[in-house]
């Protein structure tokens, strides 16, 4: 009799456990957390490669501009290839065999940069990156790679046309182009009393806000990006804001806007 009761108890417990697991699974699918606060769905249905990370595998320079080949997946059935061409007025993106989409610079919403410089026994080694370009229609391309930077590595450095090295230079240049294009509008917004958010950093007519504090423009003495961190400093000891560069969209636009406001 005791064995029968024990058996019934185990069956009921197993059923309850499976039911709870099923509910958890459904909840996880509905409420998947993403640290950037952006859902996996694209605005306008353009984000057909959302969630994928591509390797930079090819580079070519032609009359129409630089072109990069980005590749995701090893199996033929699931592999995705993206062709990214740099134009004077923006970017051209071709995903798989689909029709190429041309994005003017104004339709490049943001650039996020994550760069890690590796050292071995105190000597500079590889530079690794994970960069993301997001467009106004919701398309988001994340590419990664690594290279041995000739500016850091004395021996066995990569050639200047290595795809990963050229892609890193392209991303830095794209970030600067976005800054030059949008700085006038950003400064106009600040003059009119508006605010602009760059991730966890917000700038407005009064100053820079972040990490629970606000630094007035008049006290800011420096803004530097070094070793993966952006530092907004003051003359007062400990009065600063410091955040990871990878958390900030359009880094150069933020730096240029801060430098303009603190010196004006």
C-alpha atoms as a PDB file:
ATOM      1  CA  UNK A   1       0.000   0.000   0.000  1.00  0.00           C
ATOM      2  CA  UNK A   2       2.805   2.403   0.902  1.00  0.00           C
ATOM      3  CA  UNK A   3       4.530   1.660  -2.399  1.00  0.00           C
ATOM      4  CA  UNK A   4       1.291   2.408  -4.276  1.00  0.00           C
ATOM      5  CA  UNK A   5       0.866   5.785  -2.543  1.00  0.00           C
ATOM      6  CA  UNK A   6       4.507   6.636  -3.174  1.00  0.00           C
ATOM      7  CA  UNK A   7       4.123   5.769  -6.844  1.00  0.00           C
ATOM      8  CA  UNK A   8       1.033   7.967  -7.238  1.00  0.00           C
ATOM      9  CA  UNK A   9       2.849  10.818  -5.491  1.00  0.00           C
ATOM     10  CA  UNK A  10       5.831  10.561  -7.862  1.00  0.00           C
ATOM     11  CA  UNK A  11       3.602  10.532 -10.955  1.00  0.00           C
ATOM     12  CA  UNK A  12       1.709  13.632  -9.775  1.00  0.00           C
ATOM     13  CA  UNK A  13       4.963  15.434  -8.918  1.00  0.00           C
ATOM     14  CA  UNK A  14       6.399  14.625 -12.344  1.00  0.00           C
ATOM     15  CA  UNK A  15       3.271  15.924 -14.083  1.00  0.00           C
ATOM     16  CA  UNK A  16       3.381  19.173 -12.114  1.00  0.00           C
ATOM     17  CA  UNK A  17       7.074  19.605 -12.889  1.00  0.00           C
ATOM     18  CA  UNK A  18       6.537  19.115 -16.608  1.00  0.00           C
ATOM     19  CA  UNK A  19       3.660  21.584 -16.577  1.00  0.00           C
ATOM     20  CA  UNK A  20       5.761  24.244 -14.870  1.00  0.00           C
ATOM     21  CA  UNK A  21       8.607  23.687 -17.327  1.00  0.00           C
ATOM     22  CA  UNK A  22       6.221  24.117 -20.266  1.00  0.00           C
ATOM     23  CA  UNK A  23       4.922  27.390 -18.836  1.00  0.00           C
ATOM     24  CA  UNK A  24       8.470  28.628 -18.310  1.00  0.00           C
ATOM     25  CA  UNK A  25       9.396  27.766 -21.863  1.00  0.00           C
ATOM     26  CA  UNK A  26       6.420  29.678 -23.254  1.00  0.00           C
ATOM     27  CA  UNK A  27       7.188  32.658 -21.040  1.00  0.00           C
ATOM     28  CA  UNK A  28      10.807  32.669 -22.194  1.00  0.00           C
ATOM     29  CA  UNK A  29       9.713  32.763 -25.830  1.00  0.00           C
ATOM     30  CA  UNK A  30       7.311  35.643 -25.226  1.00  0.00           C
ATOM     31  CA  UNK A  31       9.658  37.729 -23.097  1.00  0.00           C
ATOM     32  CA  UNK A  32      13.118  37.073 -24.475  1.00  0.00           C
ATOM     33  CA  UNK A  33      15.465  39.629 -22.935  1.00  0.00           C
ATOM     34  CA  UNK A  34      17.859  41.620 -25.097  1.00  0.00           C
ATOM     35  CA  UNK A  35      20.341  43.948 -23.427  1.00  0.00           C
ATOM     36  CA  UNK A  36      19.881  46.686 -26.034  1.00  0.00           C
ATOM     37  CA  UNK A  37      16.145  46.786 -25.366  1.00  0.00           C
ATOM     38  CA  UNK A  38      15.331  46.101 -29.017  1.00  0.00           C
ATOM     39  CA  UNK A  39      13.011  43.272 -29.988  1.00  0.00           C
ATOM     40  CA  UNK A  40      14.113  40.711 -32.537  1.00  0.00           C
ATOM     41  CA  UNK A  41      11.521  41.911 -35.043  1.00  0.00           C
ATOM     42  CA  UNK A  42      12.547  44.555 -37.507  1.00  0.00           C
ATOM     43  CA  UNK A  43      10.657  47.724 -38.226  1.00  0.00           C
ATOM     44  CA  UNK A  44       9.173  47.316 -41.683  1.00  0.00           C
ATOM     45  CA  UNK A  45      10.213  43.641 -41.869  1.00  0.00           C
ATOM     46  CA  UNK A  46      13.752  44.359 -43.057  1.00  0.00           C
ATOM     47  CA  UNK A  47      15.620  42.564 -40.284  1.00  0.00           C
ATOM     48  CA  UNK A  48      15.902  39.205 -42.020  1.00  0.00           C
ATOM     49  CA  UNK A  49      19.319  38.574 -40.431  1.00  0.00           C
ATOM     50  CA  UNK A  50      18.395  39.630 -36.892  1.00  0.00           C
ATOM     51  CA  UNK A  51      20.334  37.764 -34.221  1.00  0.00           C
ATOM     52  CA  UNK A  52      23.024  36.527 -36.605  1.00  0.00           C
ATOM     53  CA  UNK A  53      26.695  37.429 -36.258  1.00  0.00           C
ATOM     54  CA  UNK A  54      28.734  37.475 -39.453  1.00  0.00           C
ATOM     55  CA  UNK A  55      32.430  36.897 -40.071  1.00  0.00           C
ATOM     56  CA  UNK A  56      34.176  39.341 -42.372  1.00  0.00           C
ATOM     57  CA  UNK A  57      35.525  37.067 -45.102  1.00  0.00           C
ATOM     58  CA  UNK A  58      36.182  39.211 -48.173  1.00  0.00           C
ATOM     59  CA  UNK A  59      37.272  42.640 -49.330  1.00  0.00           C
ATOM     60  CA  UNK A  60      37.558  44.306 -52.718  1.00  0.00           C
ATOM     61  CA  UNK A  61      38.214  47.852 -53.859  1.00  0.00           C
ATOM     62  CA  UNK A  62      36.673  49.042 -57.113  1.00  0.00           C
ATOM     63  CA  UNK A  63      35.540  52.148 -58.928  1.00  0.00           C
ATOM     64  CA  UNK A  64      32.171  52.059 -57.154  1.00  0.00           C
ATOM     65  CA  UNK A  65      33.817  51.856 -53.734  1.00  0.00           C
ATOM     66  CA  UNK A  66      34.976  49.315 -51.178  1.00  0.00           C
ATOM     67  CA  UNK A  67      33.023  46.067 -50.850  1.00  0.00           C
ATOM     68  CA  UNK A  68      32.945  43.572 -47.994  1.00  0.00           C
ATOM     69  CA  UNK A  69      31.668  40.013 -47.875  1.00  0.00           C
ATOM     70  CA  UNK A  70      30.090  38.930 -44.593  1.00  0.00           C
ATOM     71  CA  UNK A  71      29.311  35.276 -43.945  1.00  0.00           C
ATOM     72  CA  UNK A  72      27.224  33.432 -41.358  1.00  0.00           C
ATOM     73  CA  UNK A  73      26.879  29.663 -40.968  1.00  0.00           C
ATOM     74  CA  UNK A  74      28.782  26.652 -42.235  1.00  0.00           C
ATOM     75  CA  UNK A  75      25.958  24.504 -43.624  1.00  0.00           C
ATOM     76  CA  UNK A  76      24.880  25.292 -47.163  1.00  0.00           C
ATOM     77  CA  UNK A  77      21.171  25.218 -46.276  1.00  0.00           C
ATOM     78  CA  UNK A  78      21.457  27.741 -43.456  1.00  0.00           C
ATOM     79  CA  UNK A  79      24.429  29.856 -44.527  1.00  0.00           C
ATOM     80  CA  UNK A  80      23.810  33.528 -45.254  1.00  0.00           C
ATOM     81  CA  UNK A  81      26.086  35.832 -47.221  1.00  0.00           C
ATOM     82  CA  UNK A  82      25.878  39.605 -47.188  1.00  0.00           C
ATOM     83  CA  UNK A  83      27.561  41.958 -49.629  1.00  0.00           C
ATOM     84  CA  UNK A  84      28.186  45.421 -48.193  1.00  0.00           C
ATOM     85  CA  UNK A  85      29.355  48.148 -50.560  1.00  0.00           C
ATOM     86  CA  UNK A  86      30.530  51.571 -49.419  1.00  0.00           C
ATOM     87  CA  UNK A  87      29.181  54.470 -51.495  1.00  0.00           C
ATOM     88  CA  UNK A  88      29.939  58.169 -51.386  1.00  0.00           C
ATOM     89  CA  UNK A  89      26.351  58.846 -50.334  1.00  0.00           C
ATOM     90  CA  UNK A  90      25.809  55.835 -48.045  1.00  0.00           C
ATOM     91  CA  UNK A  91      25.827  52.037 -48.152  1.00  0.00           C
ATOM     92  CA  UNK A  92      24.496  49.300 -50.420  1.00  0.00           C
ATOM     93  CA  UNK A  93      23.450  46.000 -48.800  1.00  0.00           C
ATOM     94  CA  UNK A  94      22.722  42.761 -50.643  1.00  0.00           C
ATOM     95  CA  UNK A  95      21.564  39.776 -48.556  1.00  0.00           C
ATOM     96  CA  UNK A  96      21.899  36.431 -50.304  1.00  0.00           C
ATOM     97  CA  UNK A  97      20.371  36.608 -53.756  1.00  0.00           C
ATOM     98  CA  UNK A  98      17.909  39.366 -52.892  1.00  0.00           C
ATOM     99  CA  UNK A  99      17.800  42.720 -54.624  1.00  0.00           C
ATOM    100  CA  UNK A 100      20.413  45.123 -53.284  1.00  0.00           C
ATOM    101  CA  UNK A 101      19.122  47.862 -50.992  1.00  0.00           C
ATOM    102  CA  UNK A 102      20.738  51.317 -51.108  1.00  0.00           C
ATOM    103  CA  UNK A 103      20.803  53.252 -47.835  1.00  0.00           C
ATOM    104  CA  UNK A 104      21.681  56.960 -47.911  1.00  0.00           C
ATOM    105  CA  UNK A 105      23.837  58.033 -44.985  1.00  0.00           C
ATOM    106  CA  UNK A 106      20.788  59.516 -43.252  1.00  0.00           C
ATOM    107  CA  UNK A 107      19.223  56.031 -43.187  1.00  0.00           C
ATOM    108  CA  UNK A 108      22.175  54.572 -41.272  1.00  0.00           C
ATOM    109  CA  UNK A 109      20.696  54.889 -37.793  1.00  0.00           C
ATOM    110  CA  UNK A 110      23.678  53.958 -35.650  1.00  0.00           C
ATOM    111  CA  UNK A 111      27.056  52.282 -35.344  1.00  0.00           C
ATOM    112  CA  UNK A 112      28.094  50.344 -32.239  1.00  0.00           C
ATOM    113  CA  UNK A 113      31.790  49.499 -31.868  1.00  0.00           C
ATOM    114  CA  UNK A 114      33.402  46.913 -29.628  1.00  0.00           C
ATOM    115  CA  UNK A 115      37.166  46.554 -29.982  1.00  0.00           C
ATOM    116  CA  UNK A 116      39.425  44.389 -27.815  1.00  0.00           C
ATOM    117  CA  UNK A 117      43.194  44.683 -28.071  1.00  0.00           C
ATOM    118  CA  UNK A 118      44.869  41.469 -26.923  1.00  0.00           C
ATOM    119  CA  UNK A 119      48.347  41.276 -25.439  1.00  0.00           C
ATOM    120  CA  UNK A 120      50.423  38.146 -24.841  1.00  0.00           C
ATOM    121  CA  UNK A 121      53.152  38.286 -22.193  1.00  0.00           C
ATOM    122  CA  UNK A 122      52.991  42.064 -22.322  1.00  0.00           C
ATOM    123  CA  UNK A 123      53.378  42.215 -26.089  1.00  0.00           C
ATOM    124  CA  UNK A 124      50.593  43.472 -28.421  1.00  0.00           C
ATOM    125  CA  UNK A 125      48.851  40.677 -30.311  1.00  0.00           C
ATOM    126  CA  UNK A 126      45.497  40.434 -32.089  1.00  0.00           C
ATOM    127  CA  UNK A 127      42.865  43.137 -32.283  1.00  0.00           C
ATOM    128  CA  UNK A 128      39.355  41.676 -32.093  1.00  0.00           C
ATOM    129  CA  UNK A 129      36.138  43.486 -32.962  1.00  0.00           C
ATOM    130  CA  UNK A 130      32.376  43.091 -32.873  1.00  0.00           C
ATOM    131  CA  UNK A 131      30.690  45.965 -34.738  1.00  0.00           C
ATOM    132  CA  UNK A 132      27.011  46.548 -35.478  1.00  0.00           C
ATOM    133  CA  UNK A 133      25.387  48.771 -38.108  1.00  0.00           C
ATOM    134  CA  UNK A 134      21.677  49.499 -37.662  1.00  0.00           C
ATOM    135  CA  UNK A 135      19.492  51.071 -40.345  1.00  0.00           C
ATOM    136  CA  UNK A 136      16.312  53.105 -39.985  1.00  0.00           C
ATOM    137  CA  UNK A 137      14.149  50.307 -41.462  1.00  0.00           C
ATOM    138  CA  UNK A 138      15.219  47.919 -38.686  1.00  0.00           C
ATOM    139  CA  UNK A 139      17.924  45.987 -40.513  1.00  0.00           C
ATOM    140  CA  UNK A 140      20.873  45.277 -38.220  1.00  0.00           C
ATOM    141  CA  UNK A 141      24.204  43.783 -39.318  1.00  0.00           C
ATOM    142  CA  UNK A 142      26.702  42.540 -36.733  1.00  0.00           C
ATOM    143  CA  UNK A 143      30.154  41.523 -37.942  1.00  0.00           C
ATOM    144  CA  UNK A 144      33.202  40.246 -36.115  1.00  0.00           C
ATOM    145  CA  UNK A 145      36.786  39.407 -36.883  1.00  0.00           C
ATOM    146  CA  UNK A 146      40.361  39.795 -35.754  1.00  0.00           C
ATOM    147  CA  UNK A 147      43.629  41.003 -37.219  1.00  0.00           C
ATOM    148  CA  UNK A 148      47.194  41.801 -36.285  1.00  0.00           C
ATOM    149  CA  UNK A 149      47.332  45.582 -36.536  1.00  0.00           C
ATOM    150  CA  UNK A 150      50.544  46.884 -38.183  1.00  0.00           C
ATOM    151  CA  UNK A 151      50.310  49.922 -35.888  1.00  0.00           C
ATOM    152  CA  UNK A 152      50.495  47.686 -32.806  1.00  0.00           C
ATOM    153  CA  UNK A 153      52.287  44.487 -33.798  1.00  0.00           C
ATOM    154  CA  UNK A 154      55.932  44.675 -34.855  1.00  0.00           C
ATOM    155  CA  UNK A 155      56.286  41.148 -36.190  1.00  0.00           C
ATOM    156  CA  UNK A 156      53.895  39.068 -38.294  1.00  0.00           C
ATOM    157  CA  UNK A 157      51.475  41.955 -38.788  1.00  0.00           C
ATOM    158  CA  UNK A 158      48.680  41.553 -41.317  1.00  0.00           C
ATOM    159  CA  UNK A 159      48.770  43.244 -44.706  1.00  0.00           C
ATOM    160  CA  UNK A 160      46.837  46.462 -45.177  1.00  0.00           C
ATOM    161  CA  UNK A 161      44.227  44.775 -47.385  1.00  0.00           C
ATOM    162  CA  UNK A 162      43.223  42.035 -44.955  1.00  0.00           C
ATOM    163  CA  UNK A 163      39.373  42.103 -44.957  1.00  0.00           C
ATOM    164  CA  UNK A 164      39.036  42.361 -41.181  1.00  0.00           C
ATOM    165  CA  UNK A 165      41.533  45.228 -40.946  1.00  0.00           C
ATOM    166  CA  UNK A 166      39.823  47.126 -43.767  1.00  0.00           C
ATOM    167  CA  UNK A 167      36.393  46.548 -42.214  1.00  0.00           C
ATOM    168  CA  UNK A 168      37.526  47.995 -38.877  1.00  0.00           C
ATOM    169  CA  UNK A 169      38.820  51.082 -40.690  1.00  0.00           C
ATOM    170  CA  UNK A 170      35.538  51.359 -42.613  1.00  0.00           C
ATOM    171  CA  UNK A 171      33.487  51.264 -39.392  1.00  0.00           C
ATOM    172  CA  UNK A 172      35.619  53.991 -37.810  1.00  0.00           C
ATOM    173  CA  UNK A 173      35.217  56.119 -40.937  1.00  0.00           C
ATOM    174  CA  UNK A 174      31.453  55.494 -41.067  1.00  0.00           C
ATOM    175  CA  UNK A 175      31.156  56.633 -37.453  1.00  0.00           C
ATOM    176  CA  UNK A 176      33.001  59.851 -38.326  1.00  0.00           C
ATOM    177  CA  UNK A 177      30.815  60.423 -41.404  1.00  0.00           C
ATOM    178  CA  UNK A 178      27.672  60.059 -39.304  1.00  0.00           C
ATOM    179  CA  UNK A 179      29.071  62.581 -36.804  1.00  0.00           C
ATOM    180  CA  UNK A 180      29.883  65.147 -39.489  1.00  0.00           C
ATOM    181  CA  UNK A 181      26.459  64.712 -41.084  1.00  0.00           C
ATOM    182  CA  UNK A 182      24.372  64.973 -37.905  1.00  0.00           C
ATOM    183  CA  UNK A 183      26.294  67.332 -35.645  1.00  0.00           C
ATOM    184  CA  UNK A 184      24.514  70.502 -36.913  1.00  0.00           C
ATOM    185  CA  UNK A 185      21.101  68.958 -36.191  1.00  0.00           C
ATOM    186  CA  UNK A 186      22.280  67.712 -32.794  1.00  0.00           C
ATOM    187  CA  UNK A 187      23.521  71.174 -31.782  1.00  0.00           C
ATOM    188  CA  UNK A 188      20.270  72.728 -33.001  1.00  0.00           C
ATOM    189  CA  UNK A 189      18.326  70.276 -30.828  1.00  0.00           C
ATOM    190  CA  UNK A 190      20.388  71.249 -27.779  1.00  0.00           C
ATOM    191  CA  UNK A 191      19.952  74.984 -28.440  1.00  0.00           C
ATOM    192  CA  UNK A 192      16.185  74.502 -28.577  1.00  0.00           C
ATOM    193  CA  UNK A 193      16.192  72.800 -25.175  1.00  0.00           C
ATOM    194  CA  UNK A 194      15.942  69.239 -26.415  1.00  0.00           C
ATOM    195  CA  UNK A 195      17.831  66.170 -25.204  1.00  0.00           C
ATOM    196  CA  UNK A 196      19.699  63.451 -27.112  1.00  0.00           C
ATOM    197  CA  UNK A 197      20.227  59.941 -25.735  1.00  0.00           C
ATOM    198  CA  UNK A 198      23.301  57.842 -26.540  1.00  0.00           C
ATOM    199  CA  UNK A 199      22.629  54.601 -24.730  1.00  0.00           C
ATOM    200  CA  UNK A 200      22.961  55.354 -21.003  1.00  0.00           C
ATOM    201  CA  UNK A 201      24.339  58.841 -21.678  1.00  0.00           C
ATOM    202  CA  UNK A 202      22.025  61.808 -22.240  1.00  0.00           C
ATOM    203  CA  UNK A 203      23.089  65.283 -23.270  1.00  0.00           C
ATOM    204  CA  UNK A 204      20.944  68.404 -23.106  1.00  0.00           C
ATOM    205  CA  UNK A 205      21.370  72.152 -22.837  1.00  0.00           C
ATOM    206  CA  UNK A 206      22.397  71.835 -19.164  1.00  0.00           C
ATOM    207  CA  UNK A 207      25.111  69.201 -19.508  1.00  0.00           C
ATOM    208  CA  UNK A 208      25.824  65.470 -19.645  1.00  0.00           C
ATOM    209  CA  UNK A 209      23.819  62.962 -17.619  1.00  0.00           C
ATOM    210  CA  UNK A 210      24.699  59.382 -16.798  1.00  0.00           C
ATOM    211  CA  UNK A 211      25.330  56.953 -13.936  1.00  0.00           C
ATOM    212  CA  UNK A 212      22.990  58.892 -11.675  1.00  0.00           C
ATOM    213  CA  UNK A 213      24.748  62.245 -12.030  1.00  0.00           C
ATOM    214  CA  UNK A 214      24.728  65.322 -14.235  1.00  0.00           C
ATOM    215  CA  UNK A 215      27.896  67.170 -15.229  1.00  0.00           C
ATOM    216  CA  UNK A 216      27.249  70.800 -16.273  1.00  0.00           C
ATOM    217  CA  UNK A 217      29.026  71.887 -19.447  1.00  0.00           C
ATOM    218  CA  UNK A 218      31.057  74.441 -17.513  1.00  0.00           C
ATOM    219  CA  UNK A 219      32.824  71.813 -15.352  1.00  0.00           C
ATOM    220  CA  UNK A 220      33.697  69.265 -18.064  1.00  0.00           C
ATOM    221  CA  UNK A 221      37.428  69.344 -18.809  1.00  0.00           C
ATOM    222  CA  UNK A 222      37.895  66.239 -20.971  1.00  0.00           C
ATOM    223  CA  UNK A 223      36.142  63.631 -23.040  1.00  0.00           C
ATOM    224  CA  UNK A 224      38.297  60.701 -24.156  1.00  0.00           C
ATOM    225  CA  UNK A 225      37.766  57.247 -25.607  1.00  0.00           C
ATOM    226  CA  UNK A 226      40.543  54.871 -24.579  1.00  0.00           C
ATOM    227  CA  UNK A 227      40.870  51.141 -23.949  1.00  0.00           C
ATOM    228  CA  UNK A 228      37.206  50.513 -24.643  1.00  0.00           C
ATOM    229  CA  UNK A 229      35.886  53.205 -22.290  1.00  0.00           C
ATOM    230  CA  UNK A 230      34.550  56.717 -22.741  1.00  0.00           C
ATOM    231  CA  UNK A 231      35.504  59.072 -19.925  1.00  0.00           C
ATOM    232  CA  UNK A 232      33.845  62.428 -19.374  1.00  0.00           C
ATOM    233  CA  UNK A 233      35.954  64.121 -16.714  1.00  0.00           C
ATOM    234  CA  UNK A 234      36.055  67.245 -14.580  1.00  0.00           C
ATOM    235  CA  UNK A 235      38.722  68.990 -12.508  1.00  0.00           C
ATOM    236  CA  UNK A 236      37.143  67.641  -9.305  1.00  0.00           C
ATOM    237  CA  UNK A 237      38.517  64.306  -8.124  1.00  0.00           C
ATOM    238  CA  UNK A 238      36.062  61.471  -8.689  1.00  0.00           C
ATOM    239  CA  UNK A 239      33.548  63.661 -10.526  1.00  0.00           C
ATOM    240  CA  UNK A 240      33.336  61.891 -13.847  1.00  0.00           C
ATOM    241  CA  UNK A 241      31.175  59.648 -15.984  1.00  0.00           C
ATOM    242  CA  UNK A 242      32.751  56.533 -17.458  1.00  0.00           C
ATOM    243  CA  UNK A 243      30.978  54.009 -19.694  1.00  0.00           C
ATOM    244  CA  UNK A 244      31.927  51.221 -22.071  1.00  0.00           C
ATOM    245  CA  UNK A 245      32.240  52.371 -25.686  1.00  0.00           C
ATOM    246  CA  UNK A 246      30.354  49.291 -26.885  1.00  0.00           C
ATOM    247  CA  UNK A 247      27.234  50.577 -25.110  1.00  0.00           C
ATOM    248  CA  UNK A 248      27.234  53.867 -27.014  1.00  0.00           C
ATOM    249  CA  UNK A 249      25.789  54.378 -30.504  1.00  0.00           C
ATOM    250  CA  UNK A 250      27.517  56.896 -32.779  1.00  0.00           C
ATOM    251  CA  UNK A 251      30.514  57.489 -30.521  1.00  0.00           C
ATOM    252  CA  UNK A 252      32.080  60.311 -32.545  1.00  0.00           C
ATOM    253  CA  UNK A 253      28.829  62.248 -32.715  1.00  0.00           C
ATOM    254  CA  UNK A 254      28.624  62.128 -28.915  1.00  0.00           C
ATOM    255  CA  UNK A 255      32.265  63.213 -28.495  1.00  0.00           C
ATOM    256  CA  UNK A 256      31.968  66.028 -31.033  1.00  0.00           C
ATOM    257  CA  UNK A 257      28.764  67.326 -29.458  1.00  0.00           C
ATOM    258  CA  UNK A 258      30.302  67.311 -25.958  1.00  0.00           C
ATOM    259  CA  UNK A 259      33.470  69.041 -27.137  1.00  0.00           C
ATOM    260  CA  UNK A 260      31.461  71.729 -28.910  1.00  0.00           C
ATOM    261  CA  UNK A 261      29.182  72.406 -25.945  1.00  0.00           C
ATOM    262  CA  UNK A 262      31.905  72.519 -23.304  1.00  0.00           C
ATOM    263  CA  UNK A 263      34.035  74.929 -25.322  1.00  0.00           C
ATOM    264  CA  UNK A 264      31.256  77.274 -26.434  1.00  0.00           C
END
